[in-house]
Amino acid sequence: MHSAAAFAAKQPPQKQHHHQQQCGRFRFLFRSSTTSKSRFCGGGEEAYITYRFNDDGKNESDDEEVSEDERTTQNNNKKKSVCIVGGCGRIGTLITRTVLNDPERRYERVHVLTRNVNKCITQNDIMKEENEEEGRPVRLTFGECDVTNFTAEQLLESVKGYDEVVACFGAQRISKPFDWITNAENVDERHPKSVNFWGVRKLAFAAKEGGCERFVRVTGMSVGYSAFDFIAVLLNNVLSMTIKFQLLGELAIREVCEVNDETKSKRRMSYTIVRPGNLTDWEGIDNNSDPEKNSGSSSSSTKSSRSSGGANNKNNNNNERVVVLTHGANHIDASKVSREDVAHIIFVALQNRKATENVTISIAGANKATAGMRSAFRWDPARGAYWETQAIDDANVQILSKWSDLDVRKFQPDEKNDLKEKAHQFWAWSFLLSAFGVAYLFLRAIFSLVRFFMLSLTSSTFAVV
């Protein structure tokens, strides 16, 4: 077990200073029994959908396994507390609202950490007012936190005593031409190295020291791609090697969550990594699965999105979309997925600790007509040549038209050493040098072509004279 002081000694020098929507159109209700119902509101109607929770196929003859199930049930029944770091971001706000709108009120404390508290409180006034109007104590609190500038002791104080910590922040820094000269990754506190790697590492150590039981981190699906994948290479070059440092952040979380056999420490923290594809502000699949409900509540959706500063962003028709899920090192395309669906899978993971313990979940979207399908070329004497769509049978992939189809038992824990550092730097530089080389040859070709025509024109003029 690393102490906060020991961990602080390992960190590079940092600045030390202190920093700390009404029910959307849906609410989620998860019960901790074998089955559970979820209720979402919109258009004056209510619908209930059933989830299978804590059904891990236990063997009654295995006493150790039974006791583990009993502990899981007890943990799910007790009141919880959660700290959402980056809870005022676009995903973080959705997670915060979902937790607060849980009708079972299983979270007695919801703490949001952000770099700008005043702005965050302004954005979340609706959630606070809703709790006050119900005549219940306000569970939502705010605090200042900057993972890049806070010391290990300050981070420990910020997250200490919370059962769950959700890290849904990230660096969005555009690369600059002379970053390699200015040593930006070690100087700029907003660089992905400082935020996505060192910041995440410090936060994970602090969460474990503070007694956290589950650490959830939101990264990106490209983290699981090969280092020479075009998308990973492009994002690394454009966003200051963000994929490289997201990967290092995931490795740091695994390192922190590993049980230290030498110290025999009783503190144990597990993790869940969520890797979304291309994020959008579309509505989640449950909000669009019923056309009547969708049309009856479209006005309220528009009003809600405008009040949150995203006018009309959520008023997209998403009836033809599904959610695609997989786990571990399995690969799916990083297509567009709603932030509401990403927040939903995070909330499901928090309520299913055993099923999502040390699991990496990839989530993307797809069209209903093509999800889980592949095209094959066929020829028929009557029809001639044509393309035929065939279903892909993959036990590791779940394709959901509605969240009630989700089966958390299909998630498998990550294998040890299945995630390693990759040659992101090499392929990023190779891409840049290749791009510069191609650009140079193209300009030389243009210059030579222009010079050839000029010489030809000059020769023709002299010939006429």
Protein backbone atom coordinates (compact mmCIF):
# COMPACT_ATOMS: atom_id res chain seq x y z
CA MET A 1 0.00 0.00 0.00
CA HIS A 2 1.41 3.36 -0.96
CA SER A 3 0.94 6.08 1.59
CA ALA A 4 -0.07 9.55 0.47
CA ALA A 5 3.28 10.96 1.56
CA ALA A 6 5.24 8.25 -0.27
CA PHE A 7 3.19 8.79 -3.36
CA ALA A 8 3.73 12.56 -3.21
CA ALA A 9 7.47 11.99 -3.22
CA LYS A 10 7.19 10.07 -6.49
CA GLN A 11 5.35 12.81 -8.34
CA PRO A 12 6.98 15.50 -10.46
CA PRO A 13 6.93 18.96 -8.85
CA GLN A 14 3.55 20.62 -9.29
CA LYS A 15 2.07 23.96 -8.28
CA GLN A 16 0.30 23.71 -4.97
CA HIS A 17 -2.85 25.73 -4.67
CA HIS A 18 -6.51 25.06 -3.78
CA HIS A 19 -9.25 24.93 -6.39
CA GLN A 20 -13.22 22.88 -5.56
CA GLN A 21 -31.44 19.57 -14.85
CA GLN A 22 -34.63 18.85 -13.13
CA CYS A 23 -35.46 15.29 -14.08
CA GLY A 24 -34.24 14.95 -17.67
CA ARG A 25 -36.72 13.02 -19.62
CA PHE A 26 -35.90 9.90 -17.74
CA ARG A 27 -35.13 8.53 -14.31
CA PHE A 28 -33.45 5.27 -13.53
CA LEU A 29 -34.47 2.94 -10.73
CA PHE A 30 -32.26 -0.04 -10.05
CA ARG A 31 -33.07 -2.40 -7.23
CA SER A 32 -30.50 -4.64 -5.61
CA SER A 33 -32.50 -7.85 -5.83
CA THR A 34 -32.13 -10.44 -8.59
CA THR A 35 -34.39 -8.45 -10.89
CA SER A 36 -34.96 -4.75 -10.94
CA LYS A 37 -37.15 -2.15 -12.59
CA SER A 38 -36.26 1.12 -14.20
CA ARG A 39 -38.64 4.03 -14.60
CA PHE A 40 -38.18 6.97 -16.89
CA CYS A 41 -40.51 9.90 -17.19
CA GLY A 42 -41.49 11.88 -20.24
CA GLY A 43 -44.69 13.17 -21.76
CA GLY A 44 -46.66 12.37 -18.63
CA GLU A 45 -46.19 8.63 -19.14
CA GLU A 46 -44.18 6.07 -17.21
CA ALA A 47 -42.65 2.87 -18.49
CA TYR A 48 -40.94 0.11 -16.53
CA ILE A 49 -38.19 -2.09 -17.81
CA THR A 50 -36.58 -5.04 -16.04
CA TYR A 51 -32.87 -5.56 -15.39
CA ARG A 52 -31.09 -8.66 -14.17
CA PHE A 53 -28.73 -7.71 -11.36
CA ASN A 54 -26.42 -9.74 -9.14
CA ASP A 55 -27.34 -12.95 -10.95
CA ASP A 56 -23.92 -14.44 -11.41
CA GLY A 57 -24.93 -18.08 -11.61
CA LYS A 58 -23.64 -18.92 -8.14
CA ASN A 59 -23.03 -22.50 -7.13
CA GLU A 60 -24.79 -23.24 -3.86
CA SER A 61 -22.32 -26.01 -3.09
CA ASP A 62 -19.50 -23.45 -3.11
CA ASP A 63 -19.61 -21.82 0.34
CA GLU A 64 -16.98 -19.26 -0.54
CA GLU A 65 -18.92 -18.13 -3.59
CA VAL A 66 -22.18 -17.92 -1.63
CA SER A 67 -20.57 -15.74 1.02
CA GLU A 68 -19.27 -13.47 -1.71
CA ASP A 69 -22.78 -13.11 -3.12
CA GLU A 70 -24.10 -12.30 0.33
CA ARG A 71 -21.48 -9.60 0.74
CA THR A 72 -22.41 -8.20 -2.66
CA THR A 73 -26.08 -8.07 -1.70
CA GLN A 74 -25.25 -6.32 1.56
CA ASN A 75 -23.11 -3.77 -0.25
CA ASN A 76 -25.87 -3.06 -2.75
CA ASN A 77 -28.48 -2.64 -0.02
CA LYS A 78 -26.55 -0.13 2.06
CA LYS A 79 -26.59 3.59 1.40
CA LYS A 80 -23.71 4.64 -0.80
CA SER A 81 -21.65 7.72 -1.43
CA VAL A 82 -20.04 8.73 -4.71
CA CYS A 83 -17.54 11.36 -5.71
CA ILE A 84 -17.73 12.46 -9.35
CA VAL A 85 -14.53 14.16 -10.49
CA GLY A 86 -15.37 16.27 -13.50
CA GLY A 87 -19.04 16.13 -12.58
CA CYS A 88 -19.81 19.37 -14.39
CA GLY A 89 -18.66 18.08 -17.75
CA ARG A 90 -21.09 16.85 -20.35
CA ILE A 91 -20.94 13.22 -19.24
CA GLY A 92 -20.36 14.10 -15.60
CA THR A 93 -23.54 16.19 -15.46
CA LEU A 94 -25.57 13.29 -16.83
CA ILE A 95 -24.06 10.91 -14.28
CA THR A 96 -24.77 13.33 -11.44
CA ARG A 97 -28.37 13.81 -12.53
CA THR A 98 -28.91 10.07 -12.92
CA VAL A 99 -27.60 9.35 -9.42
CA LEU A 100 -29.69 12.12 -7.86
CA ASN A 101 -32.83 11.01 -9.70
CA ASP A 102 -32.59 7.44 -8.44
CA PRO A 103 -36.01 6.96 -6.74
CA GLU A 104 -34.52 4.49 -4.26
CA ARG A 105 -32.10 7.16 -3.13
CA ARG A 106 -29.36 4.64 -2.55
CA TYR A 107 -26.78 7.43 -2.61
CA GLU A 108 -26.88 9.48 0.57
CA ARG A 109 -23.96 11.64 -0.56
CA VAL A 110 -23.14 12.85 -4.07
CA HIS A 111 -20.02 15.01 -4.20
CA VAL A 112 -19.01 16.80 -7.40
CA LEU A 113 -15.41 17.94 -7.81
CA THR A 114 -14.56 20.57 -10.40
CA ARG A 115 -12.02 23.29 -11.10
CA ASN A 116 -14.71 26.02 -11.19
CA VAL A 117 -17.18 25.61 -8.33
CA ASN A 118 -19.23 28.75 -8.99
CA LYS A 119 -19.86 27.79 -12.61
CA CYS A 120 -20.67 24.23 -11.60
CA ILE A 121 -23.21 25.30 -8.95
CA THR A 122 -24.91 27.56 -11.49
CA GLN A 123 -25.23 24.67 -13.93
CA ASN A 124 -26.63 22.32 -11.28
CA ASP A 125 -29.13 24.63 -9.55
CA ILE A 126 -31.99 22.67 -11.10
CA MET A 127 -30.93 19.43 -9.43
CA LYS A 128 -30.56 21.11 -6.04
CA GLU A 129 -33.94 22.81 -6.28
CA GLU A 130 -35.61 19.54 -7.23
CA ASN A 131 -34.34 17.83 -4.09
CA GLU A 132 -35.39 20.75 -1.91
CA GLU A 133 -38.88 20.82 -3.41
CA GLU A 134 -39.38 17.17 -2.48
CA GLY A 135 -38.81 18.06 1.16
CA ARG A 136 -35.68 15.93 1.40
CA PRO A 137 -32.20 16.97 2.49
CA VAL A 138 -29.86 18.07 -0.26
CA ARG A 139 -27.34 15.33 -0.91
CA LEU A 140 -25.46 17.14 -3.66
CA THR A 141 -22.30 18.98 -2.61
CA PHE A 142 -19.50 20.62 -4.55
CA GLY A 143 -15.77 20.96 -4.06
CA GLU A 144 -12.77 22.46 -5.81
CA CYS A 145 -10.26 20.07 -7.29
CA ASP A 146 -7.51 20.21 -9.89
CA VAL A 147 -5.87 16.85 -10.37
CA THR A 148 -2.82 18.40 -12.02
CA ASN A 149 -2.04 20.95 -9.30
CA PHE A 150 -3.36 19.30 -6.16
CA THR A 151 -0.86 17.37 -4.11
CA ALA A 152 -1.48 13.78 -3.05
CA GLU A 153 -2.59 14.99 0.39
CA GLN A 154 -5.06 17.48 -1.11
CA LEU A 155 -6.55 14.86 -3.41
CA LEU A 156 -6.82 12.41 -0.52
CA GLU A 157 -8.75 14.98 1.49
CA SER A 158 -11.06 15.61 -1.49
CA VAL A 159 -12.08 11.98 -2.09
CA LYS A 160 -11.66 10.47 1.36
CA GLY A 161 -14.61 8.48 2.69
CA TYR A 162 -16.50 7.91 -0.58
CA ASP A 163 -17.47 4.39 -1.63
CA GLU A 164 -17.11 5.13 -5.35
CA VAL A 165 -15.06 7.59 -7.36
CA VAL A 166 -15.91 8.37 -10.98
CA ALA A 167 -13.24 10.13 -13.05
CA CYS A 168 -14.88 11.58 -16.15
CA PHE A 169 -12.48 14.42 -16.95
CA GLY A 170 -9.94 14.66 -19.73
CA ALA A 171 -7.56 16.96 -21.56
CA GLN A 172 -8.66 18.54 -24.84
CA ARG A 173 -5.45 20.20 -25.93
CA ILE A 174 -4.69 20.88 -29.59
CA SER A 175 -1.11 20.14 -30.60
CA LYS A 176 1.15 23.10 -31.36
CA PRO A 177 3.91 23.16 -33.98
CA PHE A 178 6.78 23.55 -31.52
CA ASP A 179 5.61 21.37 -28.63
CA TRP A 180 8.71 19.20 -28.99
CA ILE A 181 10.95 22.25 -28.63
CA THR A 182 9.11 23.83 -25.68
CA ASN A 183 8.82 20.46 -23.88
CA ALA A 184 5.09 21.10 -23.54
CA GLU A 185 4.20 17.71 -22.06
CA ASN A 186 6.29 18.47 -18.99
CA VAL A 187 5.49 22.19 -18.74
CA ASP A 188 1.86 22.67 -19.75
CA GLU A 189 -0.46 21.66 -16.89
CA ARG A 190 -3.34 21.16 -19.37
CA HIS A 191 -1.35 18.63 -21.42
CA PRO A 192 -2.76 15.06 -21.59
CA LYS A 193 0.34 13.82 -19.79
CA SER A 194 -0.50 15.96 -16.77
CA VAL A 195 -4.26 15.30 -16.86
CA ASN A 196 -4.90 11.87 -18.39
CA PHE A 197 -1.85 10.19 -16.90
CA TRP A 198 -0.32 11.88 -13.84
CA GLY A 199 -3.63 13.36 -12.71
CA VAL A 200 -5.46 10.04 -13.02
CA ARG A 201 -2.64 8.20 -11.28
CA LYS A 202 -2.63 10.59 -8.33
CA LEU A 203 -6.40 10.45 -8.07
CA ALA A 204 -6.46 6.64 -8.11
CA PHE A 205 -3.86 6.43 -5.33
CA ALA A 206 -5.79 8.99 -3.29
CA ALA A 207 -9.08 7.13 -3.81
CA LYS A 208 -7.57 3.86 -2.60
CA GLU A 209 -5.96 5.53 0.40
CA GLY A 210 -9.31 7.14 1.21
CA GLY A 211 -11.18 3.84 1.33
CA CYS A 212 -12.82 3.85 -2.11
CA GLU A 213 -14.16 0.46 -3.19
CA ARG A 214 -14.75 1.11 -6.93
CA PHE A 215 -12.88 3.48 -9.26
CA VAL A 216 -14.52 4.25 -12.61
CA ARG A 217 -12.62 5.94 -15.39
CA VAL A 218 -13.93 7.20 -18.75
CA THR A 219 -11.30 7.14 -21.54
CA GLY A 220 -11.84 6.44 -25.24
CA MET A 221 -12.24 3.46 -27.51
CA SER A 222 -9.10 4.35 -29.46
CA VAL A 223 -7.06 3.37 -26.38
CA GLY A 224 -7.65 -0.25 -27.32
CA TYR A 225 -6.61 0.23 -30.94
CA SER A 226 -3.20 -0.61 -32.35
CA ALA A 227 -0.61 2.16 -32.15
CA PHE A 228 -0.47 2.35 -35.96
CA ASP A 229 -4.26 2.46 -36.38
CA PHE A 230 -5.06 5.55 -38.46
CA ILE A 231 -7.57 6.95 -35.93
CA ALA A 232 -5.15 6.54 -33.02
CA VAL A 233 -2.29 8.07 -35.00
CA LEU A 234 -4.45 11.00 -36.12
CA LEU A 235 -5.77 11.73 -32.62
CA ASN A 236 -2.28 11.52 -31.15
CA ASN A 237 -0.98 14.05 -33.66
CA VAL A 238 -3.91 16.44 -33.36
CA LEU A 239 -4.58 16.18 -29.60
CA SER A 240 -1.08 16.16 -28.09
CA MET A 241 -0.63 12.37 -27.86
CA THR A 242 -3.89 11.99 -25.93
CA ILE A 243 -4.34 8.28 -26.77
CA LYS A 244 -0.87 7.46 -25.49
CA PHE A 245 -1.50 9.12 -22.14
CA GLN A 246 -5.04 7.73 -21.81
CA LEU A 247 -3.46 4.29 -22.15
CA LEU A 248 -0.83 5.11 -19.52
CA GLY A 249 -3.64 6.32 -17.26
CA GLU A 250 -5.47 2.99 -17.59
CA LEU A 251 -2.25 1.13 -16.80
CA ALA A 252 -1.77 3.31 -13.72
CA ILE A 253 -5.29 2.48 -12.50
CA ARG A 254 -4.60 -1.24 -12.87
CA GLU A 255 -1.35 -0.80 -10.96
CA VAL A 256 -3.11 0.95 -8.09
CA CYS A 257 -5.90 -1.63 -7.90
CA GLU A 258 -3.57 -4.61 -7.75
CA VAL A 259 -3.47 -6.23 -4.32
CA ASN A 260 -0.09 -5.72 -2.69
CA ASP A 261 0.72 -9.14 -1.27
CA GLU A 262 3.87 -7.89 0.47
CA THR A 263 2.07 -5.43 2.74
CA LYS A 264 -0.99 -7.69 3.20
CA SER A 265 -3.11 -4.56 3.08
CA LYS A 266 -6.84 -5.00 3.72
CA ARG A 267 -7.74 -2.01 1.57
CA ARG A 268 -9.03 -3.19 -1.75
CA MET A 269 -10.23 -1.15 -4.69
CA SER A 270 -11.47 -2.50 -8.00
CA TYR A 271 -11.89 -0.60 -11.24
CA THR A 272 -14.18 -0.26 -14.22
CA ILE A 273 -12.92 1.38 -17.41
CA VAL A 274 -15.50 2.73 -19.87
CA ARG A 275 -14.28 3.39 -23.42
CA PRO A 276 -16.89 5.25 -25.48
CA GLY A 277 -16.76 5.77 -29.21
CA ASN A 278 -17.50 9.07 -30.93
CA LEU A 279 -19.60 11.00 -28.40
CA THR A 280 -22.76 12.86 -29.43
CA ASP A 281 -25.62 14.68 -27.70
CA TRP A 282 -28.24 12.39 -29.20
CA GLU A 283 -30.85 10.93 -26.92
CA GLY A 284 -30.22 7.51 -25.42
CA ILE A 285 -31.78 4.42 -26.95
CA ASP A 286 -34.46 4.13 -24.25
CA ASN A 287 -35.71 7.64 -24.92
CA ASN A 288 -36.13 6.96 -28.61
CA SER A 289 -37.40 3.39 -28.67
CA ASP A 290 -41.05 4.46 -28.35
CA PRO A 291 -42.10 6.85 -31.18
CA GLU A 292 -45.25 7.94 -29.29
CA LYS A 293 -43.29 8.73 -26.16
CA ASN A 294 -40.66 10.47 -28.25
CA SER A 295 -43.17 12.71 -30.01
CA GLY A 296 -45.12 13.40 -26.82
CA SER A 297 -42.06 14.59 -24.97
CA SER A 298 -40.08 16.26 -27.71
CA SER A 299 -41.02 19.73 -26.48
CA SER A 300 -39.87 18.97 -22.94
CA SER A 301 -36.63 17.54 -24.32
CA THR A 302 -35.97 20.70 -26.30
CA LYS A 303 -36.66 22.83 -23.23
CA SER A 304 -34.33 20.70 -21.13
CA SER A 305 -31.51 20.86 -23.65
CA ARG A 306 -31.86 24.63 -23.99
CA SER A 307 -31.73 25.12 -20.25
CA SER A 308 -28.45 23.22 -20.14
CA GLY A 309 -26.89 25.34 -22.87
CA GLY A 310 -27.25 22.78 -25.64
CA ALA A 311 -30.26 23.99 -27.60
CA ASN A 312 -31.71 21.38 -29.90
CA ASN A 313 -28.69 19.11 -29.47
CA LYS A 314 -30.84 16.38 -27.94
CA ASN A 315 -33.75 16.74 -30.30
CA ASN A 316 -32.24 14.38 -32.85
CA ASN A 317 -34.29 11.42 -34.02
CA ASN A 318 -32.35 8.40 -32.84
CA ASN A 319 -34.95 5.70 -33.55
CA GLU A 320 -32.64 3.83 -35.90
CA ARG A 321 -29.72 3.55 -33.47
CA VAL A 322 -28.59 0.75 -31.18
CA VAL A 323 -25.86 0.45 -28.56
CA VAL A 324 -22.98 -1.98 -29.11
CA LEU A 325 -21.07 -3.25 -26.07
CA THR A 326 -18.05 -5.44 -25.62
CA HIS A 327 -15.38 -5.98 -22.99
CA GLY A 328 -11.65 -6.38 -22.57
CA ALA A 329 -9.49 -6.40 -25.69
CA ASN A 330 -12.39 -7.16 -28.05
CA HIS A 331 -12.63 -4.71 -30.92
CA ILE A 332 -15.69 -2.81 -32.15
CA ASP A 333 -15.88 0.24 -34.41
CA ALA A 334 -15.77 3.59 -32.61
CA SER A 335 -18.98 4.88 -34.16
CA LYS A 336 -21.23 7.57 -32.67
CA VAL A 337 -22.78 6.93 -29.27
CA SER A 338 -24.98 9.11 -27.07
CA ARG A 339 -23.54 10.60 -23.90
CA GLU A 340 -26.77 9.56 -22.17
CA ASP A 341 -26.02 5.93 -23.01
CA VAL A 342 -22.45 6.30 -21.73
CA ALA A 343 -23.76 7.74 -18.46
CA HIS A 344 -26.23 4.86 -18.29
CA ILE A 345 -23.59 2.13 -18.58
CA ILE A 346 -21.52 3.88 -15.90
CA PHE A 347 -24.50 3.89 -13.54
CA VAL A 348 -25.17 0.22 -14.31
CA ALA A 349 -21.52 -0.58 -13.56
CA LEU A 350 -21.76 1.15 -10.19
CA GLN A 351 -24.80 -0.93 -9.27
CA ASN A 352 -23.20 -4.21 -10.41
CA ARG A 353 -19.85 -4.17 -8.71
CA LYS A 354 -19.22 -7.89 -8.92
CA ALA A 355 -20.21 -8.26 -12.59
CA THR A 356 -18.10 -5.25 -13.63
CA GLU A 357 -15.17 -5.71 -11.27
CA ASN A 358 -11.88 -5.03 -13.07
CA VAL A 359 -13.68 -4.89 -16.40
CA THR A 360 -13.00 -2.67 -19.41
CA ILE A 361 -16.25 -1.88 -21.26
CA SER A 362 -16.29 -0.49 -24.80
CA ILE A 363 -19.50 1.21 -25.91
CA ALA A 364 -20.42 2.49 -29.36
CA GLY A 365 -23.49 3.07 -31.47
CA ALA A 366 -24.63 1.71 -34.80
CA ASN A 367 -27.60 1.70 -37.14
CA LYS A 368 -30.24 -0.91 -36.40
CA ALA A 369 -30.05 -2.22 -39.95
CA THR A 370 -26.31 -2.87 -39.82
CA ALA A 371 -25.48 -3.49 -36.17
CA GLY A 372 -24.21 -7.00 -35.67
CA MET A 373 -24.31 -7.59 -39.42
CA ARG A 374 -21.77 -8.10 -42.18
CA SER A 375 -22.08 -8.03 -45.94
CA ALA A 376 -21.20 -10.99 -48.13
CA PHE A 377 -21.09 -11.11 -51.93
CA ARG A 378 -23.49 -13.71 -53.41
CA TRP A 379 -24.55 -14.80 -56.88
CA ASP A 380 -27.84 -16.39 -57.81
CA PRO A 381 -28.93 -17.48 -61.35
CA ALA A 382 -32.29 -15.81 -60.87
CA ARG A 383 -31.08 -12.62 -59.18
CA GLY A 384 -27.55 -12.32 -60.45
CA ALA A 385 -24.83 -10.79 -58.23
CA TYR A 386 -25.94 -9.16 -55.00
CA TRP A 387 -24.79 -8.36 -51.46
CA GLU A 388 -26.33 -10.30 -48.60
CA THR A 389 -26.32 -9.16 -44.96
CA GLN A 390 -25.49 -11.85 -42.44
CA ALA A 391 -25.67 -11.74 -38.66
CA ILE A 392 -22.40 -11.90 -36.77
CA ASP A 393 -22.49 -14.43 -33.94
CA ASP A 394 -20.13 -13.01 -31.31
CA ALA A 395 -20.68 -13.96 -27.68
CA ASN A 396 -18.46 -11.07 -26.57
CA VAL A 397 -20.62 -8.39 -28.19
CA GLN A 398 -24.03 -7.21 -27.00
CA ILE A 399 -26.25 -5.22 -29.37
CA LEU A 400 -29.04 -3.41 -27.54
CA SER A 401 -32.11 -1.74 -28.96
CA LYS A 402 -33.16 -0.97 -25.38
CA TRP A 403 -31.30 -1.17 -22.11
CA SER A 404 -33.57 -3.88 -20.72
CA ASP A 405 -31.73 -6.30 -23.04
CA LEU A 406 -28.45 -5.79 -21.20
CA ASP A 407 -26.98 -8.82 -19.46
CA VAL A 408 -24.14 -7.77 -17.15
CA ARG A 409 -23.13 -11.41 -16.65
CA LYS A 410 -21.55 -11.42 -20.10
CA PHE A 411 -18.85 -8.98 -19.05
CA GLN A 412 -15.52 -10.69 -18.38
CA PRO A 413 -12.72 -9.34 -16.16
CA ASP A 414 -9.58 -8.09 -17.85
CA GLU A 415 -6.78 -10.57 -18.18
CA LYS A 416 -3.53 -9.75 -16.46
CA ASN A 417 -0.97 -8.11 -18.75
CA ASP A 418 -3.44 -7.91 -21.65
CA LEU A 419 -2.86 -4.14 -21.76
CA LYS A 420 0.66 -2.88 -22.41
CA GLU A 421 2.37 0.26 -23.57
CA LYS A 422 2.35 0.75 -27.32
CA ALA A 423 4.62 2.53 -29.79
CA HIS A 424 2.34 5.57 -30.09
CA GLN A 425 5.25 8.02 -30.28
CA PHE A 426 6.99 6.12 -33.07
CA TRP A 427 3.92 5.91 -35.31
CA ALA A 428 2.92 9.51 -34.62
CA TRP A 429 6.35 10.75 -35.69
CA SER A 430 6.37 8.37 -38.64
CA PHE A 431 3.05 9.79 -39.80
CA LEU A 432 4.28 13.37 -39.48
CA LEU A 433 7.53 12.68 -41.33
CA SER A 434 5.65 10.82 -44.05
CA ALA A 435 3.17 13.68 -44.36
CA PHE A 436 5.97 16.24 -44.61
CA GLY A 437 7.79 14.03 -47.12
CA VAL A 438 4.72 13.68 -49.31
CA ALA A 439 4.03 17.42 -49.08
CA TYR A 440 7.63 18.20 -50.03
CA LEU A 441 7.55 15.87 -53.05
CA PHE A 442 4.20 17.30 -54.12
CA LEU A 443 5.50 20.87 -53.97
CA ARG A 444 8.65 19.87 -55.83
CA ALA A 445 6.52 18.23 -58.53
CA ILE A 446 4.36 21.35 -58.86
CA PHE A 447 7.45 23.57 -59.01
CA SER A 448 9.07 21.37 -61.65
CA LEU A 449 5.88 21.30 -63.71
CA VAL A 450 5.54 25.10 -63.61
CA ARG A 451 9.22 25.49 -64.51
CA PHE A 452 8.80 23.09 -67.43
CA PHE A 453 5.85 25.04 -68.85
CA MET A 454 7.70 28.35 -68.40
CA LEU A 455 10.72 27.02 -70.27
CA SER A 456 8.49 25.58 -72.98
CA LEU A 457 6.70 28.90 -73.38
CA THR A 458 9.98 30.80 -73.52
CA SER A 459 11.40 28.41 -76.14
CA SER A 460 8.27 28.78 -78.27
CA THR A 461 8.52 32.58 -78.12
CA PHE A 462 12.15 32.57 -79.27
CA ALA A 463 11.32 30.12 -82.07
CA VAL A 464 8.62 32.42 -83.45
CA VAL A 465 10.93 35.41 -83.40
